[in-house]
Amino acid sequence: MLADNPIYNRSYTFARDVIRVARAVDQNVVTRPLIGQLVRSSTSIGANISEATFGASRKDFINKITIALKESQESLYWLGLPTDAGYIKLSDAESLRAEAVAINKILSTIKIKSASKMPT
């Protein structure tokens, strides 16, 4: 983890928690693609934040943060389907949803503030 980057650390913890919940889901022809998408989107958030941290320019930084934001929003979608279908416990899903929403808000703020510093 990046000790001096709270949103990266938070997204890392979120991805780890998603993986833990995903491991508890019985794998079958229905759950495998749903859970796979959830794991991919949730782990992509931190990967893109990491790339943004070491971006070549402010534009590159904003682009990677935007991708992380999209992946966070996608995670909400992929979390909803298996939960609503009864494959993920509601109690697990509620905490993950709350964290994904919080990450979305933080990333949105980072994106807006960074974009406002771009020369026009």
N, C-alpha and C. Protein backbone atom coordinates (compact mmCIF):
# COMPACT_ATOMS: atom_id res chain seq x y z
N MET A 1 0.85 -1.18 0.00
CA MET A 1 0.00 0.00 0.00
C MET A 1 0.89 1.24 0.00
N LEU A 2 0.32 2.33 -0.48
CA LEU A 2 1.03 3.61 -0.49
C LEU A 2 0.66 4.36 0.78
N ALA A 3 1.56 4.42 1.72
CA ALA A 3 1.29 4.96 3.04
C ALA A 3 0.77 6.39 3.01
N ASP A 4 1.21 7.17 2.04
CA ASP A 4 0.82 8.57 2.00
C ASP A 4 -0.33 8.86 1.04
N ASN A 5 -1.07 7.85 0.63
CA ASN A 5 -2.17 8.04 -0.30
C ASN A 5 -3.44 7.38 0.26
N PRO A 6 -4.22 8.13 1.02
CA PRO A 6 -5.41 7.55 1.67
C PRO A 6 -6.44 6.94 0.72
N ILE A 7 -6.68 7.55 -0.46
CA ILE A 7 -7.68 6.99 -1.37
C ILE A 7 -7.18 5.69 -2.00
N TYR A 8 -5.88 5.62 -2.26
CA TYR A 8 -5.33 4.36 -2.75
C TYR A 8 -5.49 3.28 -1.69
N ASN A 9 -5.12 3.58 -0.46
CA ASN A 9 -5.23 2.61 0.63
C ASN A 9 -6.68 2.19 0.84
N ARG A 10 -7.59 3.14 0.74
CA ARG A 10 -9.00 2.82 0.91
C ARG A 10 -9.51 1.93 -0.22
N SER A 11 -9.07 2.20 -1.44
CA SER A 11 -9.50 1.37 -2.57
C SER A 11 -8.89 -0.02 -2.49
N TYR A 12 -7.67 -0.10 -1.98
CA TYR A 12 -7.02 -1.40 -1.79
C TYR A 12 -7.81 -2.24 -0.77
N THR A 13 -8.17 -1.62 0.32
CA THR A 13 -8.96 -2.32 1.35
C THR A 13 -10.31 -2.74 0.78
N PHE A 14 -10.94 -1.87 -0.01
CA PHE A 14 -12.21 -2.20 -0.64
C PHE A 14 -12.07 -3.42 -1.54
N ALA A 15 -11.04 -3.44 -2.37
CA ALA A 15 -10.82 -4.57 -3.28
C ALA A 15 -10.58 -5.85 -2.48
N ARG A 16 -9.80 -5.75 -1.43
CA ARG A 16 -9.53 -6.92 -0.58
C ARG A 16 -10.82 -7.44 0.04
N ASP A 17 -11.68 -6.54 0.49
CA ASP A 17 -12.95 -6.95 1.08
C ASP A 17 -13.88 -7.58 0.05
N VAL A 18 -13.88 -7.04 -1.16
CA VAL A 18 -14.67 -7.63 -2.24
C VAL A 18 -14.18 -9.05 -2.53
N ILE A 19 -12.87 -9.23 -2.58
CA ILE A 19 -12.32 -10.57 -2.83
C ILE A 19 -12.75 -11.54 -1.73
N ARG A 20 -12.71 -11.10 -0.50
CA ARG A 20 -13.13 -11.97 0.61
C ARG A 20 -14.60 -12.38 0.48
N VAL A 21 -15.45 -11.43 0.12
CA VAL A 21 -16.87 -11.74 -0.07
C VAL A 21 -17.04 -12.66 -1.28
N ALA A 22 -16.32 -12.37 -2.35
CA ALA A 22 -16.43 -13.17 -3.57
C ALA A 22 -16.02 -14.62 -3.34
N ARG A 23 -15.02 -14.82 -2.53
CA ARG A 23 -14.56 -16.19 -2.25
C ARG A 23 -15.64 -17.02 -1.55
N ALA A 24 -16.55 -16.37 -0.85
CA ALA A 24 -17.59 -17.08 -0.12
C ALA A 24 -18.78 -17.47 -1.01
N VAL A 25 -18.83 -16.93 -2.22
CA VAL A 25 -19.95 -17.22 -3.12
C VAL A 25 -19.71 -18.57 -3.79
N ASP A 26 -20.73 -19.42 -3.77
CA ASP A 26 -20.64 -20.70 -4.47
C ASP A 26 -20.48 -20.44 -5.97
N GLN A 27 -19.45 -21.03 -6.54
CA GLN A 27 -19.18 -20.83 -7.97
C GLN A 27 -20.03 -21.77 -8.81
N ASN A 28 -20.73 -21.18 -9.78
CA ASN A 28 -21.50 -21.96 -10.74
C ASN A 28 -21.59 -21.18 -12.04
N VAL A 29 -22.30 -21.67 -13.00
CA VAL A 29 -22.36 -21.04 -14.32
C VAL A 29 -22.94 -19.63 -14.25
N VAL A 30 -23.77 -19.35 -13.27
CA VAL A 30 -24.37 -18.02 -13.13
C VAL A 30 -23.44 -17.08 -12.36
N THR A 31 -22.91 -17.54 -11.25
CA THR A 31 -22.13 -16.66 -10.38
C THR A 31 -20.73 -16.36 -10.91
N ARG A 32 -20.13 -17.29 -11.61
CA ARG A 32 -18.74 -17.11 -12.06
C ARG A 32 -18.54 -15.81 -12.84
N PRO A 33 -19.34 -15.53 -13.89
CA PRO A 33 -19.12 -14.27 -14.61
C PRO A 33 -19.48 -13.02 -13.78
N LEU A 34 -20.52 -13.13 -12.97
CA LEU A 34 -20.92 -11.97 -12.15
C LEU A 34 -19.83 -11.61 -11.14
N ILE A 35 -19.35 -12.61 -10.43
CA ILE A 35 -18.32 -12.38 -9.42
C ILE A 35 -17.00 -11.99 -10.08
N GLY A 36 -16.70 -12.58 -11.22
CA GLY A 36 -15.49 -12.20 -11.95
C GLY A 36 -15.50 -10.72 -12.34
N GLN A 37 -16.63 -10.24 -12.82
CA GLN A 37 -16.74 -8.83 -13.18
C GLN A 37 -16.60 -7.94 -11.95
N LEU A 38 -17.21 -8.35 -10.84
CA LEU A 38 -17.12 -7.58 -9.60
C LEU A 38 -15.66 -7.48 -9.13
N VAL A 39 -14.96 -8.59 -9.15
CA VAL A 39 -13.56 -8.60 -8.71
C VAL A 39 -12.71 -7.75 -9.65
N ARG A 40 -12.93 -7.86 -10.96
CA ARG A 40 -12.13 -7.07 -11.91
C ARG A 40 -12.36 -5.57 -11.73
N SER A 41 -13.61 -5.17 -11.62
CA SER A 41 -13.87 -3.73 -11.50
C SER A 41 -13.38 -3.19 -10.16
N SER A 42 -13.56 -3.94 -9.09
CA SER A 42 -13.14 -3.44 -7.77
C SER A 42 -11.62 -3.37 -7.63
N THR A 43 -10.91 -4.30 -8.22
CA THR A 43 -9.45 -4.27 -8.14
C THR A 43 -8.86 -3.23 -9.09
N SER A 44 -9.58 -2.89 -10.12
CA SER A 44 -9.12 -1.89 -11.08
C SER A 44 -9.10 -0.48 -10.50
N ILE A 45 -9.92 -0.22 -9.50
CA ILE A 45 -9.97 1.12 -8.90
C ILE A 45 -8.58 1.51 -8.38
N GLY A 46 -8.04 0.70 -7.50
CA GLY A 46 -6.73 0.99 -6.93
C GLY A 46 -5.62 0.99 -7.95
N ALA A 47 -5.70 0.09 -8.93
CA ALA A 47 -4.67 0.04 -9.97
C ALA A 47 -4.64 1.37 -10.74
N ASN A 48 -5.80 1.91 -11.04
CA ASN A 48 -5.85 3.18 -11.77
C ASN A 48 -5.44 4.36 -10.88
N ILE A 49 -5.76 4.29 -9.61
CA ILE A 49 -5.30 5.34 -8.69
C ILE A 49 -3.78 5.30 -8.61
N SER A 50 -3.22 4.11 -8.55
CA SER A 50 -1.77 3.97 -8.53
C SER A 50 -1.15 4.56 -9.79
N GLU A 51 -1.73 4.26 -10.94
CA GLU A 51 -1.23 4.82 -12.20
C GLU A 51 -1.36 6.34 -12.20
N ALA A 52 -2.47 6.85 -11.66
CA ALA A 52 -2.67 8.30 -11.61
C ALA A 52 -1.61 8.96 -10.75
N THR A 53 -1.28 8.32 -9.64
CA THR A 53 -0.28 8.87 -8.72
C THR A 53 1.05 9.09 -9.42
N PHE A 54 1.35 8.23 -10.35
CA PHE A 54 2.62 8.33 -11.07
C PHE A 54 2.40 8.77 -12.52
N GLY A 55 1.33 9.52 -12.74
CA GLY A 55 0.99 9.99 -14.08
C GLY A 55 2.03 10.93 -14.65
N ALA A 56 2.09 10.99 -15.96
CA ALA A 56 3.08 11.81 -16.66
C ALA A 56 2.71 13.29 -16.67
N SER A 57 1.42 13.58 -16.49
CA SER A 57 0.95 14.96 -16.55
C SER A 57 -0.35 15.07 -15.76
N ARG A 58 -0.80 16.30 -15.56
CA ARG A 58 -2.09 16.50 -14.88
C ARG A 58 -3.22 15.88 -15.70
N LYS A 59 -3.14 16.01 -17.02
CA LYS A 59 -4.16 15.41 -17.89
C LYS A 59 -4.18 13.89 -17.73
N ASP A 60 -3.01 13.27 -17.67
CA ASP A 60 -2.91 11.83 -17.45
C ASP A 60 -3.48 11.45 -16.08
N PHE A 61 -3.15 12.25 -15.08
CA PHE A 61 -3.67 12.03 -13.73
C PHE A 61 -5.20 12.04 -13.74
N ILE A 62 -5.79 13.07 -14.34
CA ILE A 62 -7.25 13.19 -14.39
C ILE A 62 -7.86 12.02 -15.15
N ASN A 63 -7.23 11.62 -16.24
CA ASN A 63 -7.73 10.49 -17.03
C ASN A 63 -7.78 9.21 -16.18
N LYS A 64 -6.71 8.93 -15.45
CA LYS A 64 -6.67 7.71 -14.63
C LYS A 64 -7.65 7.79 -13.46
N ILE A 65 -7.80 8.96 -12.87
CA ILE A 65 -8.78 9.13 -11.80
C ILE A 65 -10.19 8.92 -12.35
N THR A 66 -10.42 9.41 -13.56
CA THR A 66 -11.73 9.21 -14.21
C THR A 66 -12.00 7.73 -14.44
N ILE A 67 -11.00 7.00 -14.87
CA ILE A 67 -11.16 5.56 -15.07
C ILE A 67 -11.44 4.87 -13.72
N ALA A 68 -10.71 5.26 -12.68
CA ALA A 68 -10.95 4.69 -11.35
C ALA A 68 -12.37 4.98 -10.89
N LEU A 69 -12.86 6.18 -11.16
CA LEU A 69 -14.23 6.54 -10.81
C LEU A 69 -15.24 5.68 -11.56
N LYS A 70 -15.00 5.47 -12.84
CA LYS A 70 -15.88 4.61 -13.64
C LYS A 70 -15.87 3.17 -13.11
N GLU A 71 -14.71 2.69 -12.73
CA GLU A 71 -14.61 1.32 -12.21
C GLU A 71 -15.32 1.20 -10.86
N SER A 72 -15.25 2.25 -10.07
CA SER A 72 -15.94 2.25 -8.80
C SER A 72 -17.46 2.20 -9.01
N GLN A 73 -17.93 2.98 -9.97
CA GLN A 73 -19.36 2.96 -10.30
C GLN A 73 -19.76 1.60 -10.86
N GLU A 74 -18.90 1.02 -11.70
CA GLU A 74 -19.17 -0.30 -12.26
C GLU A 74 -19.23 -1.36 -11.15
N SER A 75 -18.39 -1.20 -10.15
CA SER A 75 -18.39 -2.14 -9.02
C SER A 75 -19.74 -2.16 -8.33
N LEU A 76 -20.37 -1.00 -8.23
CA LEU A 76 -21.71 -0.93 -7.62
C LEU A 76 -22.70 -1.76 -8.43
N TYR A 77 -22.61 -1.67 -9.74
CA TYR A 77 -23.50 -2.45 -10.60
C TYR A 77 -23.28 -3.95 -10.40
N TRP A 78 -22.02 -4.37 -10.48
CA TRP A 78 -21.71 -5.80 -10.37
C TRP A 78 -21.92 -6.32 -8.96
N LEU A 79 -21.92 -5.46 -7.98
CA LEU A 79 -22.25 -5.88 -6.62
C LEU A 79 -23.76 -6.08 -6.49
N GLY A 80 -24.51 -5.23 -7.16
CA GLY A 80 -25.97 -5.29 -7.06
C GLY A 80 -26.59 -6.56 -7.62
N LEU A 81 -26.14 -6.99 -8.79
CA LEU A 81 -26.75 -8.16 -9.43
C LEU A 81 -26.67 -9.43 -8.59
N PRO A 82 -25.49 -9.87 -8.17
CA PRO A 82 -25.46 -11.11 -7.38
C PRO A 82 -26.10 -10.95 -6.00
N THR A 83 -26.12 -9.74 -5.49
CA THR A 83 -26.79 -9.51 -4.20
C THR A 83 -28.29 -9.64 -4.37
N ASP A 84 -28.83 -8.95 -5.36
CA ASP A 84 -30.28 -9.00 -5.60
C ASP A 84 -30.74 -10.40 -6.00
N ALA A 85 -29.85 -11.18 -6.59
CA ALA A 85 -30.19 -12.56 -6.97
C ALA A 85 -29.99 -13.54 -5.80
N GLY A 86 -29.51 -13.04 -4.67
CA GLY A 86 -29.39 -13.87 -3.48
C GLY A 86 -28.08 -14.61 -3.33
N TYR A 87 -27.06 -14.26 -4.09
CA TYR A 87 -25.77 -14.96 -4.01
C TYR A 87 -24.82 -14.33 -3.00
N ILE A 88 -24.99 -13.03 -2.73
CA ILE A 88 -24.15 -12.34 -1.74
C ILE A 88 -25.07 -11.90 -0.60
N LYS A 89 -24.61 -12.12 0.63
CA LYS A 89 -25.38 -11.71 1.79
C LYS A 89 -25.62 -10.21 1.77
N LEU A 90 -26.83 -9.80 2.10
CA LEU A 90 -27.18 -8.40 2.12
C LEU A 90 -26.27 -7.61 3.08
N SER A 91 -25.95 -8.19 4.22
CA SER A 91 -25.10 -7.50 5.19
C SER A 91 -23.71 -7.22 4.61
N ASP A 92 -23.16 -8.17 3.87
CA ASP A 92 -21.86 -7.96 3.21
C ASP A 92 -21.98 -6.90 2.13
N ALA A 93 -23.04 -6.99 1.35
CA ALA A 93 -23.23 -6.07 0.23
C ALA A 93 -23.43 -4.64 0.70
N GLU A 94 -24.15 -4.45 1.79
CA GLU A 94 -24.43 -3.10 2.27
C GLU A 94 -23.15 -2.37 2.64
N SER A 95 -22.25 -3.04 3.33
CA SER A 95 -21.00 -2.36 3.71
C SER A 95 -20.13 -2.09 2.48
N LEU A 96 -20.10 -3.02 1.53
CA LEU A 96 -19.34 -2.80 0.31
C LEU A 96 -19.94 -1.67 -0.53
N ARG A 97 -21.26 -1.63 -0.61
CA ARG A 97 -21.92 -0.54 -1.35
C ARG A 97 -21.59 0.80 -0.73
N ALA A 98 -21.68 0.87 0.60
CA ALA A 98 -21.39 2.13 1.28
C ALA A 98 -19.96 2.59 1.00
N GLU A 99 -19.02 1.65 1.00
CA GLU A 99 -17.63 2.00 0.74
C GLU A 99 -17.44 2.41 -0.71
N ALA A 100 -18.08 1.74 -1.64
CA ALA A 100 -17.97 2.11 -3.06
C ALA A 100 -18.54 3.51 -3.29
N VAL A 101 -19.64 3.83 -2.66
CA VAL A 101 -20.22 5.17 -2.77
C VAL A 101 -19.27 6.21 -2.20
N ALA A 102 -18.67 5.92 -1.06
CA ALA A 102 -17.71 6.86 -0.45
C ALA A 102 -16.50 7.06 -1.36
N ILE A 103 -15.99 5.99 -1.94
CA ILE A 103 -14.86 6.09 -2.87
C ILE A 103 -15.26 6.91 -4.09
N ASN A 104 -16.47 6.69 -4.60
CA ASN A 104 -16.97 7.49 -5.73
C ASN A 104 -16.94 8.98 -5.40
N LYS A 105 -17.42 9.33 -4.23
CA LYS A 105 -17.48 10.74 -3.84
C LYS A 105 -16.09 11.34 -3.75
N ILE A 106 -15.17 10.61 -3.16
CA ILE A 106 -13.79 11.10 -3.02
C ILE A 106 -13.15 11.27 -4.40
N LEU A 107 -13.29 10.26 -5.25
CA LEU A 107 -12.70 10.35 -6.59
C LEU A 107 -13.34 11.47 -7.41
N SER A 108 -14.63 11.68 -7.25
CA SER A 108 -15.30 12.78 -7.95
C SER A 108 -14.73 14.12 -7.52
N THR A 109 -14.52 14.26 -6.22
CA THR A 109 -13.95 15.51 -5.70
C THR A 109 -12.53 15.71 -6.22
N ILE A 110 -11.73 14.64 -6.20
CA ILE A 110 -10.36 14.73 -6.72
C ILE A 110 -10.38 15.15 -8.19
N LYS A 111 -11.26 14.54 -8.97
CA LYS A 111 -11.35 14.85 -10.39
C LYS A 111 -11.74 16.30 -10.62
N ILE A 112 -12.75 16.76 -9.90
CA ILE A 112 -13.24 18.13 -10.07
C ILE A 112 -12.16 19.14 -9.68
N LYS A 113 -11.52 18.91 -8.53
CA LYS A 113 -10.48 19.84 -8.08
C LYS A 113 -9.28 19.84 -9.01
N SER A 114 -8.90 18.67 -9.49
CA SER A 114 -7.76 18.59 -10.41
C SER A 114 -8.08 19.26 -11.74
N ALA A 115 -9.29 19.05 -12.24
CA ALA A 115 -9.69 19.66 -13.51
C ALA A 115 -9.78 21.17 -13.40
N SER A 116 -10.15 21.66 -12.23
CA SER A 116 -10.26 23.12 -12.07
C SER A 116 -8.90 23.80 -12.08
N LYS A 117 -7.85 23.02 -11.85
CA LYS A 117 -6.49 23.57 -11.87
C LYS A 117 -5.84 23.51 -13.25
N MET A 118 -6.57 22.91 -14.21
CA MET A 118 -6.04 22.80 -15.57
C MET A 118 -6.12 24.17 -16.24
N PRO A 119 -5.11 24.53 -17.01
CA PRO A 119 -5.16 25.79 -17.75
C PRO A 119 -6.26 25.70 -18.81
N THR A 120 -6.91 26.83 -19.03
CA THR A 120 -8.00 26.85 -20.02
C THR A 120 -7.57 27.45 -21.33
